[in-house]
PDB file of N, CA and C in Angstrom:
ATOM      1  N   MET A   1      -4.550  -3.041   9.965  1.00  0.00           N
ATOM      2  CA  MET A   1      -4.508  -3.906   9.215  1.00  0.00           C
ATOM      3  C   MET A   1      -5.261  -4.778  10.320  1.00  0.00           C
ATOM      4  N   ARG A   2      -5.274  -4.538  11.496  1.00  0.00           N
ATOM      5  CA  ARG A   2      -6.134  -5.326  12.915  1.00  0.00           C
ATOM      6  C   ARG A   2      -7.547  -5.218  12.555  1.00  0.00           C
ATOM      7  N   SER A   3      -7.897  -3.796  12.391  1.00  0.00           N
ATOM      8  CA  SER A   3      -8.912  -3.425  12.234  1.00  0.00           C
ATOM      9  C   SER A   3      -9.972  -3.924  10.951  1.00  0.00           C
ATOM     10  N   GLY A   4      -9.084  -3.805   9.919  1.00  0.00           N
ATOM     11  CA  GLY A   4      -9.829  -3.895   8.568  1.00  0.00           C
ATOM     12  C   GLY A   4     -10.328  -2.605   7.971  1.00  0.00           C
ATOM     13  N   ASN A   5      -9.451  -1.607   8.305  1.00  0.00           N
ATOM     14  CA  ASN A   5      -9.436  -0.387   7.639  1.00  0.00           C
ATOM     15  C   ASN A   5      -8.898  -0.043   6.383  1.00  0.00           C
ATOM     16  N   THR A   6      -8.866   0.822   5.615  1.00  0.00           N
ATOM     17  CA  THR A   6      -8.266   1.247   4.354  1.00  0.00           C
ATOM     18  C   THR A   6      -7.110   2.055   4.966  1.00  0.00           C
ATOM     19  N   LEU A   7      -5.796   1.866   4.110  1.00  0.00           N
ATOM     20  CA  LEU A   7      -4.683   2.208   4.485  1.00  0.00           C
ATOM     21  C   LEU A   7      -4.708   2.885   2.915  1.00  0.00           C
ATOM     22  N   VAL A   8      -4.517   4.375   2.906  1.00  0.00           N
ATOM     23  CA  VAL A   8      -4.373   5.190   1.919  1.00  0.00           C
ATOM     24  C   VAL A   8      -2.722   5.634   1.799  1.00  0.00           C
ATOM     25  N   ILE A   9      -2.118   5.531   0.936  1.00  0.00           N
ATOM     26  CA  ILE A   9      -1.000   6.306   0.563  1.00  0.00           C
ATOM     27  C   ILE A   9      -1.041   7.306  -0.344  1.00  0.00           C
ATOM     28  N   ASP A  10      -0.886   8.545  -0.060  1.00  0.00           N
ATOM     29  CA  ASP A  10      -1.212   9.560  -0.591  1.00  0.00           C
ATOM     30  C   ASP A  10       0.126  10.259  -1.439  1.00  0.00           C
ATOM     31  N   LEU A  11       0.191   9.696  -2.395  1.00  0.00           N
ATOM     32  CA  LEU A  11       1.549  10.296  -3.208  1.00  0.00           C
ATOM     33  C   LEU A  11       1.484  11.881  -3.643  1.00  0.00           C
ATOM     34  N   ASP A  12       0.124  12.185  -3.669  1.00  0.00           N
ATOM     35  CA  ASP A  12      -0.203  13.855  -4.326  1.00  0.00           C
ATOM     36  C   ASP A  12       0.613  13.889  -5.740  1.00  0.00           C
ATOM     37  N   THR A  13       1.627  14.421  -5.944  1.00  0.00           N
ATOM     38  CA  THR A  13       2.172  14.558  -7.313  1.00  0.00           C
ATOM     39  C   THR A  13       3.297  14.127  -7.452  1.00  0.00           C
ATOM     40  N   MET A  14       3.837  13.395  -6.265  1.00  0.00           N
ATOM     41  CA  MET A  14       4.862  12.533  -6.407  1.00  0.00           C
ATOM     42  C   MET A  14       5.213  11.119  -7.073  1.00  0.00           C
ATOM     43  N   VAL A  15       6.305  11.042  -7.342  1.00  0.00           N
ATOM     44  CA  VAL A  15       6.787   9.684  -7.907  1.00  0.00           C
ATOM     45  C   VAL A  15       7.897   9.198  -7.183  1.00  0.00           C
ATOM     46  N   PRO A  16       7.534   8.691  -6.178  1.00  0.00           N
ATOM     47  CA  PRO A  16       8.723   7.934  -5.110  1.00  0.00           C
ATOM     48  C   PRO A  16       9.190   7.084  -5.560  1.00  0.00           C
ATOM     49  N   PRO A  17      10.571   6.737  -5.438  1.00  0.00           N
ATOM     50  CA  PRO A  17      11.001   5.532  -5.922  1.00  0.00           C
ATOM     51  C   PRO A  17      11.094   4.256  -5.267  1.00  0.00           C
ATOM     52  N   LEU A  18       9.538   3.730  -5.125  1.00  0.00           N
ATOM     53  CA  LEU A  18       9.455   2.606  -4.015  1.00  0.00           C
ATOM     54  C   LEU A  18      10.268   1.667  -4.167  1.00  0.00           C
ATOM     55  N   LYS A  19      10.711   1.072  -5.668  1.00  0.00           N
ATOM     56  CA  LYS A  19      11.033  -0.044  -5.706  1.00  0.00           C
ATOM     57  C   LYS A  19      12.539  -0.182  -5.587  1.00  0.00           C
ATOM     58  N   THR A  20      13.201   1.096  -6.167  1.00  0.00           N
ATOM     59  CA  THR A  20      14.662   1.455  -6.016  1.00  0.00           C
ATOM     60  C   THR A  20      15.128   1.773  -4.567  1.00  0.00           C
ATOM     61  N   LYS A  21      14.326   2.396  -3.993  1.00  0.00           N
ATOM     62  CA  LYS A  21      14.961   3.213  -2.718  1.00  0.00           C
ATOM     63  C   LYS A  21      14.007   2.807  -1.451  1.00  0.00           C
ATOM     64  N   TYR A  22      13.078   2.282  -1.451  1.00  0.00           N
ATOM     65  CA  TYR A  22      12.142   2.059  -0.318  1.00  0.00           C
ATOM     66  C   TYR A  22      11.955   0.729   0.100  1.00  0.00           C
ATOM     67  N   ASP A  23      12.162  -0.242  -0.924  1.00  0.00           N
ATOM     68  CA  ASP A  23      11.880  -1.672  -0.979  1.00  0.00           C
ATOM     69  C   ASP A  23      13.247  -2.157  -0.150  1.00  0.00           C
ATOM     70  N   SER A  24      12.866  -2.769   1.073  1.00  0.00           N
ATOM     71  CA  SER A  24      13.889  -3.298   2.111  1.00  0.00           C
ATOM     72  C   SER A  24      13.413  -4.385   2.844  1.00  0.00           C
ATOM     73  N   ALA A  25      14.411  -4.993   3.461  1.00  0.00           N
ATOM     74  CA  ALA A  25      13.909  -6.284   4.468  1.00  0.00           C
ATOM     75  C   ALA A  25      13.303  -5.913   5.692  1.00  0.00           C
ATOM     76  N   GLU A  26      13.260  -4.689   5.945  1.00  0.00           N
ATOM     77  CA  GLU A  26      12.519  -4.146   6.996  1.00  0.00           C
ATOM     78  C   GLU A  26      11.360  -3.642   6.392  1.00  0.00           C
ATOM     79  N   LEU A  27      11.278  -3.317   5.390  1.00  0.00           N
ATOM     80  CA  LEU A  27       9.657  -2.853   4.655  1.00  0.00           C
ATOM     81  C   LEU A  27       9.776  -3.282   3.370  1.00  0.00           C
ATOM     82  N   PRO A  28       9.326  -4.666   3.360  1.00  0.00           N
ATOM     83  CA  PRO A  28       9.627  -5.752   2.086  1.00  0.00           C
ATOM     84  C   PRO A  28       8.482  -5.138   1.149  1.00  0.00           C
ATOM     85  N   LEU A  29       8.544  -4.127   0.339  1.00  0.00           N
ATOM     86  CA  LEU A  29       7.300  -3.451  -0.432  1.00  0.00           C
ATOM     87  C   LEU A  29       6.970  -4.770  -1.270  1.00  0.00           C
ATOM     88  N   SER A  30       8.096  -5.038  -2.388  1.00  0.00           N
ATOM     89  CA  SER A  30       7.373  -5.938  -3.496  1.00  0.00           C
ATOM     90  C   SER A  30       7.179  -7.584  -2.820  1.00  0.00           C
ATOM     91  N   LYS A  31       8.010  -8.027  -1.798  1.00  0.00           N
ATOM     92  CA  LYS A  31       7.434  -9.139  -1.480  1.00  0.00           C
ATOM     93  C   LYS A  31       6.222  -9.679  -0.686  1.00  0.00           C
ATOM     94  N   LEU A  32       6.161  -8.434   0.349  1.00  0.00           N
ATOM     95  CA  LEU A  32       4.803  -8.487   1.109  1.00  0.00           C
ATOM     96  C   LEU A  32       4.026  -7.109   1.142  1.00  0.00           C
ATOM     97  N   ILE A  33       4.295  -6.023   1.463  1.00  0.00           N
ATOM     98  CA  ILE A  33       3.168  -5.053   1.369  1.00  0.00           C
ATOM     99  C   ILE A  33       2.416  -4.625   0.129  1.00  0.00           C
ATOM    100  N   PHE A  34       2.981  -4.814  -0.863  1.00  0.00           N
ATOM    101  CA  PHE A  34       2.285  -4.537  -2.227  1.00  0.00           C
ATOM    102  C   PHE A  34       1.878  -5.910  -2.848  1.00  0.00           C
ATOM    103  N   ASN A  35       1.930  -7.117  -2.120  1.00  0.00           N
ATOM    104  CA  ASN A  35       1.380  -8.206  -2.586  1.00  0.00           C
ATOM    105  C   ASN A  35       0.659  -8.912  -1.636  1.00  0.00           C
ATOM    106  N   ARG A  36      -0.689  -8.818  -2.115  1.00  0.00           N
ATOM    107  CA  ARG A  36      -1.667  -9.211  -1.329  1.00  0.00           C
ATOM    108  C   ARG A  36      -1.773 -10.345  -0.722  1.00  0.00           C
ATOM    109  N   GLU A  37      -1.373 -11.444  -1.625  1.00  0.00           N
ATOM    110  CA  GLU A  37      -1.444 -12.966  -1.188  1.00  0.00           C
ATOM    111  C   GLU A  37      -0.268 -13.075  -0.257  1.00  0.00           C
ATOM    112  N   SER A  38       0.834 -12.862  -0.361  1.00  0.00           N
ATOM    113  CA  SER A  38       1.845 -13.048   0.453  1.00  0.00           C
ATOM    114  C   SER A  38       1.586 -11.883   1.768  1.00  0.00           C
ATOM    115  N   LEU A  39       0.959 -10.675   1.838  1.00  0.00           N
ATOM    116  CA  LEU A  39       0.786 -10.070   3.123  1.00  0.00           C
ATOM    117  C   LEU A  39      -0.230 -10.598   4.231  1.00  0.00           C
ATOM    118  N   PHE A  40      -1.334 -11.273   3.429  1.00  0.00           N
ATOM    119  CA  PHE A  40      -2.270 -11.929   4.298  1.00  0.00           C
ATOM    120  C   PHE A  40      -1.912 -13.668   4.712  1.00  0.00           C
ATOM    121  N   LYS A  41      -0.784 -14.010   4.049  1.00  0.00           N
ATOM    122  CA  LYS A  41      -0.043 -15.157   4.682  1.00  0.00           C
ATOM    123  C   LYS A  41       1.077 -14.801   5.590  1.00  0.00           C
ATOM    124  N   ASP A  42       1.846 -13.913   5.250  1.00  0.00           N
ATOM    125  CA  ASP A  42       3.092 -13.719   6.306  1.00  0.00           C
ATOM    126  C   ASP A  42       3.005 -12.370   6.991  1.00  0.00           C
ATOM    127  N   TYR A  43       1.976 -11.660   7.194  1.00  0.00           N
ATOM    128  CA  TYR A  43       1.568 -10.715   7.805  1.00  0.00           C
ATOM    129  C   TYR A  43       2.628 -10.341   8.877  1.00  0.00           C
ATOM    130  N   MET A  44       2.580 -11.545   9.891  1.00  0.00           N
ATOM    131  CA  MET A  44       3.482 -11.338  11.119  1.00  0.00           C
ATOM    132  C   MET A  44       5.058 -10.965  11.007  1.00  0.00           C
ATOM    133  N   THR A  45       5.423 -11.221   9.830  1.00  0.00           N
ATOM    134  CA  THR A  45       6.878 -10.740   9.826  1.00  0.00           C
ATOM    135  C   THR A  45       7.121  -9.390   9.853  1.00  0.00           C
ATOM    136  N   VAL A  46       6.209  -8.392   9.767  1.00  0.00           N
ATOM    137  CA  VAL A  46       6.171  -6.928   9.875  1.00  0.00           C
ATOM    138  C   VAL A  46       5.475  -6.343  11.321  1.00  0.00           C
ATOM    139  N   VAL A  47       5.086  -7.507  12.045  1.00  0.00           N
ATOM    140  CA  VAL A  47       4.160  -6.950  13.094  1.00  0.00           C
ATOM    141  C   VAL A  47       5.182  -6.957  14.178  1.00  0.00           C
ATOM    142  N   LYS A  48       5.438  -5.875  14.971  1.00  0.00           N
ATOM    143  CA  LYS A  48       6.257  -5.664  16.089  1.00  0.00           C
ATOM    144  C   LYS A  48       5.906  -6.497  17.496  1.00  0.00           C
ATOM    145  N   ASP A  49       6.563  -6.858  18.475  1.00  0.00           N
ATOM    146  CA  ASP A  49       6.003  -7.326  19.379  1.00  0.00           C
ATOM    147  C   ASP A  49       5.249  -6.549  20.036  1.00  0.00           C
ATOM    148  N   GLU A  50       5.339  -5.288  20.541  1.00  0.00           N
ATOM    149  CA  GLU A  50       4.409  -4.199  20.896  1.00  0.00           C
ATOM    150  C   GLU A  50       3.062  -4.088  20.291  1.00  0.00           C
ATOM    151  N   GLU A  51       2.765  -4.555  19.018  1.00  0.00           N
ATOM    152  CA  GLU A  51       2.011  -4.247  18.089  1.00  0.00           C
ATOM    153  C   GLU A  51       1.067  -5.691  18.467  1.00  0.00           C
ATOM    154  N   ASN A  52       1.421  -6.825  18.714  1.00  0.00           N
ATOM    155  CA  ASN A  52       0.936  -8.132  18.543  1.00  0.00           C
ATOM    156  C   ASN A  52      -0.151  -8.711  19.680  1.00  0.00           C
ATOM    157  N   TYR A  53      -1.087  -7.809  19.267  1.00  0.00           N
ATOM    158  CA  TYR A  53      -2.242  -8.236  20.227  1.00  0.00           C
ATOM    159  C   TYR A  53      -3.597  -7.954  19.413  1.00  0.00           C
ATOM    160  N   ASP A  54      -4.768  -8.476  19.694  1.00  0.00           N
ATOM    161  CA  ASP A  54      -5.990  -8.190  19.089  1.00  0.00           C
ATOM    162  C   ASP A  54      -6.869  -7.366  19.368  1.00  0.00           C
ATOM    163  N   MET A  55      -7.836  -7.197  18.796  1.00  0.00           N
ATOM    164  CA  MET A  55      -9.120  -6.163  19.203  1.00  0.00           C
ATOM    165  C   MET A  55      -9.216  -5.911  20.562  1.00  0.00           C
ATOM    166  N   MET A  56      -9.040  -6.987  21.198  1.00  0.00           N
ATOM    167  CA  MET A  56      -9.593  -7.281  22.974  1.00  0.00           C
ATOM    168  C   MET A  56      -8.368  -7.092  23.526  1.00  0.00           C
ATOM    169  N   LYS A  57      -7.085  -6.579  23.156  1.00  0.00           N
ATOM    170  CA  LYS A  57      -5.924  -6.342  23.534  1.00  0.00           C
ATOM    171  C   LYS A  57      -5.168  -7.703  24.530  1.00  0.00           C
ATOM    172  N   SER A  58      -5.521  -8.711  23.771  1.00  0.00           N
ATOM    173  CA  SER A  58      -4.954 -10.037  24.267  1.00  0.00           C
ATOM    174  C   SER A  58      -3.656  -9.967  23.392  1.00  0.00           C
ATOM    175  N   LYS A  59      -2.882 -10.262  24.228  1.00  0.00           N
ATOM    176  CA  LYS A  59      -1.343 -10.350  23.776  1.00  0.00           C
ATOM    177  C   LYS A  59      -1.009 -11.528  23.054  1.00  0.00           C
ATOM    178  N   ASN A  60      -0.059 -11.448  21.906  1.00  0.00           N
ATOM    179  CA  ASN A  60       0.210 -12.565  21.118  1.00  0.00           C
ATOM    180  C   ASN A  60      -1.022 -13.051  20.216  1.00  0.00           C
ATOM    181  N   GLN A  61      -2.177 -12.329  19.767  1.00  0.00           N
ATOM    182  CA  GLN A  61      -3.205 -12.801  19.239  1.00  0.00           C
ATOM    183  C   GLN A  61      -3.450 -11.862  17.950  1.00  0.00           C
ATOM    184  N   TYR A  62      -2.380 -10.978  17.574  1.00  0.00           N
ATOM    185  CA  TYR A  62      -2.709 -10.575  16.365  1.00  0.00           C
ATOM    186  C   TYR A  62      -3.085 -11.244  15.146  1.00  0.00           C
ATOM    187  N   TYR A  63      -4.065 -10.551  14.335  1.00  0.00           N
ATOM    188  CA  TYR A  63      -4.480 -11.061  13.063  1.00  0.00           C
ATOM    189  C   TYR A  63      -4.742 -10.157  12.076  1.00  0.00           C
ATOM    190  N   LEU A  64      -4.479 -10.545  10.829  1.00  0.00           N
ATOM    191  CA  LEU A  64      -4.803  -9.405   9.721  1.00  0.00           C
ATOM    192  C   LEU A  64      -6.557  -9.544   9.473  1.00  0.00           C
ATOM    193  N   ASN A  65      -7.074  -8.438   9.438  1.00  0.00           N
ATOM    194  CA  ASN A  65      -8.416  -8.671   9.217  1.00  0.00           C
ATOM    195  C   ASN A  65      -8.399  -8.668   7.573  1.00  0.00           C
ATOM    196  N   GLU A  66      -9.755  -9.624   7.293  1.00  0.00           N
ATOM    197  CA  GLU A  66      -9.721  -9.776   5.962  1.00  0.00           C
ATOM    198  C   GLU A  66     -10.366  -8.500   4.934  1.00  0.00           C
ATOM    199  N   LYS A  67     -10.721  -7.732   5.732  1.00  0.00           N
ATOM    200  CA  LYS A  67     -11.590  -6.585   5.032  1.00  0.00           C
ATOM    201  C   LYS A  67     -10.425  -5.361   4.705  1.00  0.00           C
ATOM    202  N   PHE A  68      -9.028  -5.666   5.255  1.00  0.00           N
ATOM    203  CA  PHE A  68      -8.110  -4.576   5.296  1.00  0.00           C
ATOM    204  C   PHE A  68      -7.755  -4.331   3.598  1.00  0.00           C
ATOM    205  N   SER A  69      -7.675  -3.241   3.463  1.00  0.00           N
ATOM    206  CA  SER A  69      -7.242  -2.880   1.885  1.00  0.00           C
ATOM    207  C   SER A  69      -6.316  -1.775   1.638  1.00  0.00           C
ATOM    208  N   LEU A  70      -5.487  -1.415   0.661  1.00  0.00           N
ATOM    209  CA  LEU A  70      -4.585  -0.566   0.588  1.00  0.00           C
ATOM    210  C   LEU A  70      -4.771   0.127  -0.704  1.00  0.00           C
ATOM    211  N   ILE A  71      -5.022   1.478  -0.820  1.00  0.00           N
ATOM    212  CA  ILE A  71      -5.142   2.467  -1.745  1.00  0.00           C
ATOM    213  C   ILE A  71      -3.752   3.358  -1.968  1.00  0.00           C
ATOM    214  N   VAL A  72      -3.252   3.390  -3.159  1.00  0.00           N
ATOM    215  CA  VAL A  72      -2.314   4.332  -3.523  1.00  0.00           C
ATOM    216  C   VAL A  72      -2.898   5.320  -4.274  1.00  0.00           C
ATOM    217  N   LEU A  73      -2.892   6.760  -3.942  1.00  0.00           N
ATOM    218  CA  LEU A  73      -3.592   7.868  -4.635  1.00  0.00           C
ATOM    219  C   LEU A  73      -2.663   8.754  -5.127  1.00  0.00           C
ATOM    220  N   SER A  74      -3.044   9.187  -6.431  1.00  0.00           N
ATOM    221  CA  SER A  74      -1.865  10.180  -7.132  1.00  0.00           C
ATOM    222  C   SER A  74      -2.901  11.428  -7.338  1.00  0.00           C
ATOM    223  N   ASN A  75      -2.643  12.255  -7.492  1.00  0.00           N
ATOM    224  CA  ASN A  75      -3.404  13.961  -7.712  1.00  0.00           C
ATOM    225  C   ASN A  75      -2.791  14.266  -9.089  1.00  0.00           C
ATOM    226  N   MET A  76      -3.747  14.319 -10.047  1.00  0.00           N
ATOM    227  CA  MET A  76      -3.682  14.952 -11.435  1.00  0.00           C
ATOM    228  C   MET A  76      -4.296  16.300 -11.819  1.00  0.00           C
ATOM    229  N   GLN A  77      -4.523  16.738 -10.588  1.00  0.00           N
ATOM    230  CA  GLN A  77      -5.324  18.548 -10.775  1.00  0.00           C
ATOM    231  C   GLN A  77      -4.313  19.337 -11.577  1.00  0.00           C
ATOM    232  N   ASP A  78      -2.982  19.174 -11.165  1.00  0.00           N
ATOM    233  CA  ASP A  78      -1.907  19.901 -11.653  1.00  0.00           C
ATOM    234  C   ASP A  78      -1.722  19.660 -13.366  1.00  0.00           C
ATOM    235  N   GLU A  79      -2.082  20.490 -13.837  1.00  0.00           N
ATOM    236  CA  GLU A  79      -1.804  20.266 -15.549  1.00  0.00           C
ATOM    237  C   GLU A  79      -0.649  19.825 -16.151  1.00  0.00           C
ATOM    238  N   SER A  80       0.791  20.090 -15.150  1.00  0.00           N
ATOM    239  CA  SER A  80       1.823  19.397 -15.838  1.00  0.00           C
ATOM    240  C   SER A  80       1.792  17.764 -15.369  1.00  0.00           C
ATOM    241  N   CYS A  81       0.624  17.347 -14.581  1.00  0.00           N
ATOM    242  CA  CYS A  81       0.733  15.781 -14.453  1.00  0.00           C
ATOM    243  C   CYS A  81      -0.219  15.289 -15.625  1.00  0.00           C
ATOM    244  N   ASP A  82       0.278  14.439 -16.505  1.00  0.00           N
ATOM    245  CA  ASP A  82      -0.440  13.798 -17.655  1.00  0.00           C
ATOM    246  C   ASP A  82      -0.098  11.928 -17.292  1.00  0.00           C
ATOM    247  N   ASP A  83      -0.530  11.267 -18.521  1.00  0.00           N
ATOM    248  CA  ASP A  83      -0.613   9.899 -18.458  1.00  0.00           C
ATOM    249  C   ASP A  83       0.725   9.509 -18.234  1.00  0.00           C
ATOM    250  N   GLU A  84       1.837  10.234 -18.671  1.00  0.00           N
ATOM    251  CA  GLU A  84       3.265   9.639 -18.465  1.00  0.00           C
ATOM    252  C   GLU A  84       3.969   9.865 -16.833  1.00  0.00           C
ATOM    253  N   ILE A  85       3.439  11.029 -16.527  1.00  0.00           N
ATOM    254  CA  ILE A  85       3.596  10.829 -14.681  1.00  0.00           C
ATOM    255  C   ILE A  85       3.344   9.724 -13.894  1.00  0.00           C
ATOM    256  N   ILE A  86       1.786   9.671 -14.528  1.00  0.00           N
ATOM    257  CA  ILE A  86       1.128   8.202 -13.838  1.00  0.00           C
ATOM    258  C   ILE A  86       1.961   6.930 -14.093  1.00  0.00           C
ATOM    259  N   GLN A  87       2.222   6.698 -15.404  1.00  0.00           N
ATOM    260  CA  GLN A  87       3.009   5.775 -15.881  1.00  0.00           C
ATOM    261  C   GLN A  87       4.354   5.651 -15.108  1.00  0.00           C
ATOM    262  N   MET A  88       4.691   6.603 -14.813  1.00  0.00           N
ATOM    263  CA  MET A  88       5.941   6.631 -13.877  1.00  0.00           C
ATOM    264  C   MET A  88       5.943   6.151 -12.271  1.00  0.00           C
ATOM    265  N   VAL A  89       4.449   6.620 -11.950  1.00  0.00           N
ATOM    266  CA  VAL A  89       4.414   6.173 -10.498  1.00  0.00           C
ATOM    267  C   VAL A  89       3.977   4.532 -10.725  1.00  0.00           C
ATOM    268  N   LEU A  90       3.395   4.121 -11.591  1.00  0.00           N
ATOM    269  CA  LEU A  90       2.905   2.653 -11.744  1.00  0.00           C
ATOM    270  C   LEU A  90       4.175   1.938 -12.095  1.00  0.00           C
ATOM    271  N   ASP A  91       5.104   2.613 -12.878  1.00  0.00           N
ATOM    272  CA  ASP A  91       6.379   1.899 -12.802  1.00  0.00           C
ATOM    273  C   ASP A  91       7.222   1.493 -11.533  1.00  0.00           C
ATOM    274  N   GLU A  92       7.289   2.378 -10.661  1.00  0.00           N
ATOM    275  CA  GLU A  92       7.752   2.698  -9.291  1.00  0.00           C
ATOM    276  C   GLU A  92       6.802   1.501  -8.352  1.00  0.00           C
ATOM    277  N   LEU A  93       5.603   1.316  -8.578  1.00  0.00           N
ATOM    278  CA  LEU A  93       4.502   0.780  -7.559  1.00  0.00           C
ATOM    279  C   LEU A  93       4.954  -0.731  -7.743  1.00  0.00           C
ATOM    280  N   PRO A  94       5.551  -1.345  -6.726  1.00  0.00           N
ATOM    281  CA  PRO A  94       5.843  -3.145  -6.681  1.00  0.00           C
ATOM    282  C   PRO A  94       4.433  -3.789  -6.800  1.00  0.00           C
ATOM    283  N   ASN A  95       4.324  -4.697  -7.689  1.00  0.00           N
ATOM    284  CA  ASN A  95       3.329  -5.372  -8.205  1.00  0.00           C
ATOM    285  C   ASN A  95       2.016  -5.073  -8.599  1.00  0.00           C
ATOM    286  N   GLU A  96       2.161  -3.777  -9.325  1.00  0.00           N
ATOM    287  CA  GLU A  96       1.424  -2.829  -9.851  1.00  0.00           C
ATOM    288  C   GLU A  96      -0.008  -3.647 -10.460  1.00  0.00           C
ATOM    289  N   ASP A  97       0.776  -4.745 -11.117  1.00  0.00           N
ATOM    290  CA  ASP A  97      -0.525  -5.755 -11.949  1.00  0.00           C
ATOM    291  C   ASP A  97      -1.393  -6.345 -11.141  1.00  0.00           C
ATOM    292  N   GLN A  98      -1.081  -6.163  -9.684  1.00  0.00           N
ATOM    293  CA  GLN A  98      -2.154  -7.010  -8.977  1.00  0.00           C
ATOM    294  C   GLN A  98      -3.185  -5.899  -8.460  1.00  0.00           C
ATOM    295  N   PHE A  99      -2.977  -4.695  -8.726  1.00  0.00           N
ATOM    296  CA  PHE A  99      -3.781  -3.401  -8.207  1.00  0.00           C
ATOM    297  C   PHE A  99      -4.977  -3.149  -9.518  1.00  0.00           C
ATOM    298  N   LEU A 100      -5.956  -3.069  -8.612  1.00  0.00           N
ATOM    299  CA  LEU A 100      -7.363  -2.373  -9.683  1.00  0.00           C
ATOM    300  C   LEU A 100      -7.117  -0.765  -9.263  1.00  0.00           C
ATOM    301  N   LYS A 101      -6.936  -0.593 -10.967  1.00  0.00           N
ATOM    302  CA  LYS A 101      -6.772   1.145 -11.069  1.00  0.00           C
ATOM    303  C   LYS A 101      -8.252   1.746 -11.309  1.00  0.00           C
ATOM    304  N   LEU A 102      -8.151   2.802 -10.728  1.00  0.00           N
ATOM    305  CA  LEU A 102      -9.187   3.557 -11.262  1.00  0.00           C
ATOM    306  C   LEU A 102      -8.973   5.108 -11.512  1.00  0.00           C
ATOM    307  N   TYR A 103      -9.495   5.653 -12.313  1.00  0.00           N
ATOM    308  CA  TYR A 103      -9.201   7.265 -12.901  1.00  0.00           C
ATOM    309  C   TYR A 103     -10.489   7.942 -12.708  1.00  0.00           C
ATOM    310  N   ILE A 104     -10.408   8.902 -12.014  1.00  0.00           N
ATOM    311  CA  ILE A 104     -11.389   9.645 -11.722  1.00  0.00           C
ATOM    312  C   ILE A 104     -11.414  10.880 -12.400  1.00  0.00           C
ATOM    313  N   GLU A 105     -11.920  11.251 -13.293  1.00  0.00           N
ATOM    314  CA  GLU A 105     -11.672  12.736 -13.969  1.00  0.00           C
ATOM    315  C   GLU A 105     -12.771  13.851 -13.487  1.00  0.00           C
ATOM    316  N   ALA A 106     -12.233  14.802 -13.027  1.00  0.00           N
ATOM    317  CA  ALA A 106     -13.105  16.142 -12.920  1.00  0.00           C
ATOM    318  C   ALA A 106     -13.760  16.694 -13.666  1.00  0.00           C
ATOM    319  N   THR A 107     -15.128  16.938 -13.288  1.00  0.00           N
ATOM    320  CA  THR A 107     -16.156  17.512 -14.124  1.00  0.00           C
ATOM    321  C   THR A 107     -16.356  18.876 -13.884  1.00  0.00           C
ATOM    322  N   ASP A 108     -16.592  19.291 -15.164  1.00  0.00           N
ATOM    323  CA  ASP A 108     -17.019  21.215 -14.829  1.00  0.00           C
ATOM    324  C   ASP A 108     -18.077  21.409 -14.245  1.00  0.00           C
TER     325      ASP A 108
END
């Protein structure tokens, strides 16, 4: 987040229960992590003391780089993975309506 890199969460073929099992006070997926506006406003709530420094290693100067982005990647290569499976992933993705969705089809 500090350097403006892209965080890729590779789900492969899994449908993890993000909303029901992993959304917590310690890892607020719905309220913060998967909510871009809130994340850019309140990111310090998830920054630990030992992480609170800037690119020059200046203590207490952490900031979230505006180029930071988050990608959730699913693998549809397996023939048993279809649109219903992808919909299940979307149903478990907090604030999925805020995401740009790209579907890339393999070519022969």
